[in-house]
Amino acid sequence: GGMGGGDIKYIAAAGALVGWKKVLLIIFIGAFLGSIVSIFQITVQKKSKKSLIPFGPFLSVATLITLFYGNLLIKLYIDNLAQ
């Protein structure tokens, strides 16, 4: 129920662009950004928990972050996981 058909198609296209490892990073970052914005809207703007927020813009920002910093983020994650 959370993602629509357009989000799935966007993730497929992003996966074709960056590969399967980085598409997982895109989904994670998009969900993280969406959660931050949702918490802000619920607490500060007094929106309802049932308010609909489009997921596509968060996926777009997450794709840009992954394109520029994806290798660094994956390396940081793997290095910290080993400790």
N, C-alpha and C. Protein backbone atom coordinates (compact mmCIF):
# COMPACT_ATOMS: atom_id res chain seq x y z
N GLY A 1 0.78 -1.20 0.00
CA GLY A 1 0.00 0.00 0.00
C GLY A 1 0.82 1.26 0.00
N GLY A 2 2.11 1.21 0.41
CA GLY A 2 2.88 2.44 0.54
C GLY A 2 3.44 2.94 -0.78
N MET A 3 3.81 2.03 -1.65
CA MET A 3 4.40 2.44 -2.93
C MET A 3 3.44 2.13 -4.06
N GLY A 4 3.36 3.06 -4.99
CA GLY A 4 2.51 2.87 -6.15
C GLY A 4 3.29 2.30 -7.31
N GLY A 5 2.62 2.13 -8.42
CA GLY A 5 3.24 1.58 -9.61
C GLY A 5 4.34 2.46 -10.17
N GLY A 6 4.19 3.77 -10.06
CA GLY A 6 5.21 4.69 -10.54
C GLY A 6 6.50 4.58 -9.74
N ASP A 7 6.36 4.38 -8.43
CA ASP A 7 7.55 4.22 -7.59
C ASP A 7 8.32 2.96 -7.96
N ILE A 8 7.59 1.89 -8.24
CA ILE A 8 8.23 0.62 -8.63
C ILE A 8 8.97 0.79 -9.95
N LYS A 9 8.32 1.48 -10.90
CA LYS A 9 8.96 1.70 -12.20
C LYS A 9 10.20 2.59 -12.06
N TYR A 10 10.10 3.59 -11.19
CA TYR A 10 11.25 4.47 -10.96
C TYR A 10 12.41 3.69 -10.35
N ILE A 11 12.13 2.84 -9.38
CA ILE A 11 13.18 2.04 -8.75
C ILE A 11 13.81 1.08 -9.77
N ALA A 12 13.00 0.53 -10.66
CA ALA A 12 13.54 -0.35 -11.71
C ALA A 12 14.47 0.43 -12.63
N ALA A 13 14.08 1.64 -13.00
CA ALA A 13 14.92 2.47 -13.87
C ALA A 13 16.20 2.89 -13.14
N ALA A 14 16.07 3.25 -11.87
CA ALA A 14 17.25 3.62 -11.08
C ALA A 14 18.18 2.42 -10.92
N GLY A 15 17.61 1.23 -10.75
CA GLY A 15 18.41 0.02 -10.65
C GLY A 15 19.16 -0.27 -11.93
N ALA A 16 18.54 0.02 -13.07
CA ALA A 16 19.23 -0.16 -14.34
C ALA A 16 20.37 0.84 -14.49
N LEU A 17 20.23 1.99 -13.86
CA LEU A 17 21.25 3.03 -13.93
C LEU A 17 22.43 2.75 -13.00
N VAL A 18 22.14 2.36 -11.74
CA VAL A 18 23.21 2.27 -10.74
C VAL A 18 23.57 0.84 -10.33
N GLY A 19 22.74 -0.13 -10.63
CA GLY A 19 23.02 -1.51 -10.24
C GLY A 19 22.22 -1.93 -9.01
N TRP A 20 22.21 -3.24 -8.75
CA TRP A 20 21.32 -3.76 -7.71
C TRP A 20 21.80 -3.41 -6.30
N LYS A 21 23.11 -3.31 -6.08
CA LYS A 21 23.59 -2.98 -4.74
C LYS A 21 23.18 -1.56 -4.35
N LYS A 22 23.33 -0.67 -5.30
CA LYS A 22 23.02 0.73 -5.00
C LYS A 22 21.52 1.01 -5.01
N VAL A 23 20.73 0.18 -5.68
CA VAL A 23 19.29 0.40 -5.65
C VAL A 23 18.75 0.11 -4.25
N LEU A 24 19.37 -0.81 -3.54
CA LEU A 24 18.97 -1.05 -2.15
C LEU A 24 19.28 0.17 -1.29
N LEU A 25 20.40 0.82 -1.58
CA LEU A 25 20.75 2.05 -0.88
C LEU A 25 19.76 3.16 -1.21
N ILE A 26 19.31 3.23 -2.45
CA ILE A 26 18.32 4.24 -2.84
C ILE A 26 17.02 4.03 -2.07
N ILE A 27 16.56 2.80 -1.97
CA ILE A 27 15.32 2.52 -1.24
C ILE A 27 15.48 2.89 0.22
N PHE A 28 16.62 2.52 0.82
CA PHE A 28 16.84 2.84 2.24
C PHE A 28 16.89 4.34 2.48
N ILE A 29 17.67 5.07 1.67
CA ILE A 29 17.78 6.52 1.85
C ILE A 29 16.44 7.20 1.60
N GLY A 30 15.71 6.76 0.57
CA GLY A 30 14.40 7.33 0.28
C GLY A 30 13.43 7.13 1.44
N ALA A 31 13.43 5.95 2.01
CA ALA A 31 12.55 5.68 3.16
C ALA A 31 12.97 6.49 4.37
N PHE A 32 14.28 6.64 4.58
CA PHE A 32 14.78 7.43 5.70
C PHE A 32 14.38 8.90 5.54
N LEU A 33 14.58 9.47 4.36
CA LEU A 33 14.20 10.86 4.12
C LEU A 33 12.69 11.06 4.26
N GLY A 34 11.93 10.10 3.72
CA GLY A 34 10.47 10.18 3.85
C GLY A 34 10.02 10.12 5.30
N SER A 35 10.69 9.33 6.09
CA SER A 35 10.35 9.23 7.52
C SER A 35 10.64 10.53 8.24
N ILE A 36 11.78 11.13 7.94
CA ILE A 36 12.13 12.40 8.58
C ILE A 36 11.11 13.48 8.24
N VAL A 37 10.76 13.59 6.97
CA VAL A 37 9.78 14.60 6.55
C VAL A 37 8.41 14.30 7.15
N SER A 38 8.03 13.04 7.20
CA SER A 38 6.73 12.67 7.77
C SER A 38 6.65 13.01 9.25
N ILE A 39 7.71 12.70 9.99
CA ILE A 39 7.73 13.04 11.42
C ILE A 39 7.64 14.54 11.61
N PHE A 40 8.35 15.30 10.77
CA PHE A 40 8.29 16.75 10.84
C PHE A 40 6.86 17.26 10.57
N GLN A 41 6.22 16.71 9.54
CA GLN A 41 4.88 17.16 9.21
C GLN A 41 3.87 16.79 10.29
N ILE A 42 4.03 15.64 10.91
CA ILE A 42 3.09 15.23 11.95
C ILE A 42 3.27 16.08 13.20
N THR A 43 4.52 16.34 13.59
CA THR A 43 4.75 17.06 14.85
C THR A 43 4.62 18.57 14.70
N VAL A 44 5.21 19.15 13.66
CA VAL A 44 5.23 20.60 13.53
C VAL A 44 4.02 21.13 12.78
N GLN A 45 3.69 20.52 11.67
CA GLN A 45 2.60 21.02 10.84
C GLN A 45 1.25 20.42 11.22
N LYS A 46 1.24 19.54 12.20
CA LYS A 46 0.00 18.92 12.72
C LYS A 46 -0.80 18.20 11.64
N LYS A 47 -0.08 17.53 10.75
CA LYS A 47 -0.77 16.71 9.74
C LYS A 47 -1.23 15.41 10.39
N SER A 48 -2.18 14.77 9.76
CA SER A 48 -2.67 13.49 10.24
C SER A 48 -1.70 12.38 9.84
N LYS A 49 -1.69 11.30 10.61
CA LYS A 49 -0.85 10.15 10.28
C LYS A 49 -1.34 9.46 9.02
N LYS A 50 -2.56 9.74 8.61
CA LYS A 50 -3.12 9.14 7.40
C LYS A 50 -2.90 10.00 6.16
N SER A 51 -2.25 11.15 6.31
CA SER A 51 -1.98 12.02 5.17
C SER A 51 -1.07 11.31 4.17
N LEU A 52 -1.36 11.48 2.91
CA LEU A 52 -0.56 10.86 1.86
C LEU A 52 0.60 11.78 1.48
N ILE A 53 1.78 11.20 1.41
CA ILE A 53 2.97 11.94 0.99
C ILE A 53 3.57 11.19 -0.19
N PRO A 54 3.79 11.85 -1.33
CA PRO A 54 4.38 11.16 -2.48
C PRO A 54 5.80 10.68 -2.16
N PHE A 55 6.11 9.47 -2.59
CA PHE A 55 7.40 8.86 -2.31
C PHE A 55 8.42 9.14 -3.40
N GLY A 56 7.97 9.52 -4.58
CA GLY A 56 8.84 9.76 -5.72
C GLY A 56 9.91 10.82 -5.49
N PRO A 57 9.57 11.97 -4.90
CA PRO A 57 10.61 12.98 -4.66
C PRO A 57 11.72 12.49 -3.74
N PHE A 58 11.38 11.67 -2.77
CA PHE A 58 12.39 11.13 -1.87
C PHE A 58 13.29 10.13 -2.60
N LEU A 59 12.70 9.36 -3.48
CA LEU A 59 13.50 8.44 -4.29
C LEU A 59 14.43 9.21 -5.23
N SER A 60 13.96 10.33 -5.76
CA SER A 60 14.80 11.14 -6.65
C SER A 60 15.99 11.71 -5.91
N VAL A 61 15.76 12.26 -4.72
CA VAL A 61 16.86 12.80 -3.92
C VAL A 61 17.81 11.68 -3.52
N ALA A 62 17.25 10.53 -3.15
CA ALA A 62 18.08 9.39 -2.77
C ALA A 62 18.93 8.90 -3.94
N THR A 63 18.40 8.97 -5.15
CA THR A 63 19.16 8.58 -6.33
C THR A 63 20.33 9.52 -6.54
N LEU A 64 20.11 10.82 -6.38
CA LEU A 64 21.21 11.78 -6.52
C LEU A 64 22.28 11.55 -5.45
N ILE A 65 21.86 11.33 -4.22
CA ILE A 65 22.82 11.07 -3.14
C ILE A 65 23.62 9.81 -3.46
N THR A 66 22.94 8.78 -3.95
CA THR A 66 23.62 7.53 -4.26
C THR A 66 24.56 7.69 -5.45
N LEU A 67 24.17 8.46 -6.45
CA LEU A 67 25.05 8.67 -7.59
C LEU A 67 26.36 9.35 -7.18
N PHE A 68 26.27 10.34 -6.29
CA PHE A 68 27.45 11.09 -5.92
C PHE A 68 28.22 10.47 -4.75
N TYR A 69 27.52 9.88 -3.79
CA TYR A 69 28.16 9.39 -2.57
C TYR A 69 27.90 7.92 -2.28
N GLY A 70 27.36 7.18 -3.23
CA GLY A 70 26.98 5.79 -3.00
C GLY A 70 28.13 4.90 -2.60
N ASN A 71 29.24 4.98 -3.33
CA ASN A 71 30.39 4.13 -3.00
C ASN A 71 30.93 4.46 -1.62
N LEU A 72 30.99 5.74 -1.28
CA LEU A 72 31.46 6.15 0.04
C LEU A 72 30.55 5.64 1.15
N LEU A 73 29.23 5.75 0.96
CA LEU A 73 28.29 5.29 1.97
C LEU A 73 28.36 3.78 2.16
N ILE A 74 28.48 3.04 1.08
CA ILE A 74 28.60 1.58 1.18
C ILE A 74 29.90 1.21 1.88
N LYS A 75 31.00 1.90 1.54
CA LYS A 75 32.28 1.63 2.19
C LYS A 75 32.21 1.93 3.67
N LEU A 76 31.62 3.05 4.05
CA LEU A 76 31.47 3.39 5.47
C LEU A 76 30.64 2.35 6.21
N TYR A 77 29.60 1.88 5.58
CA TYR A 77 28.75 0.87 6.20
C TYR A 77 29.52 -0.43 6.41
N ILE A 78 30.21 -0.86 5.40
CA ILE A 78 30.96 -2.13 5.50
C ILE A 78 32.09 -2.01 6.52
N ASP A 79 32.80 -0.87 6.53
CA ASP A 79 33.88 -0.68 7.50
C ASP A 79 33.35 -0.68 8.93
N ASN A 80 32.22 -0.04 9.17
CA ASN A 80 31.65 0.01 10.53
C ASN A 80 31.00 -1.31 10.91
N LEU A 81 30.57 -2.07 9.94
CA LEU A 81 29.97 -3.38 10.22
C LEU A 81 31.03 -4.37 10.70
N ALA A 82 32.25 -4.21 10.19
CA ALA A 82 33.34 -5.12 10.54
C ALA A 82 33.86 -4.89 11.96
N GLN A 83 33.59 -3.73 12.53
CA GLN A 83 34.12 -3.42 13.87
C GLN A 83 33.33 -4.07 14.96
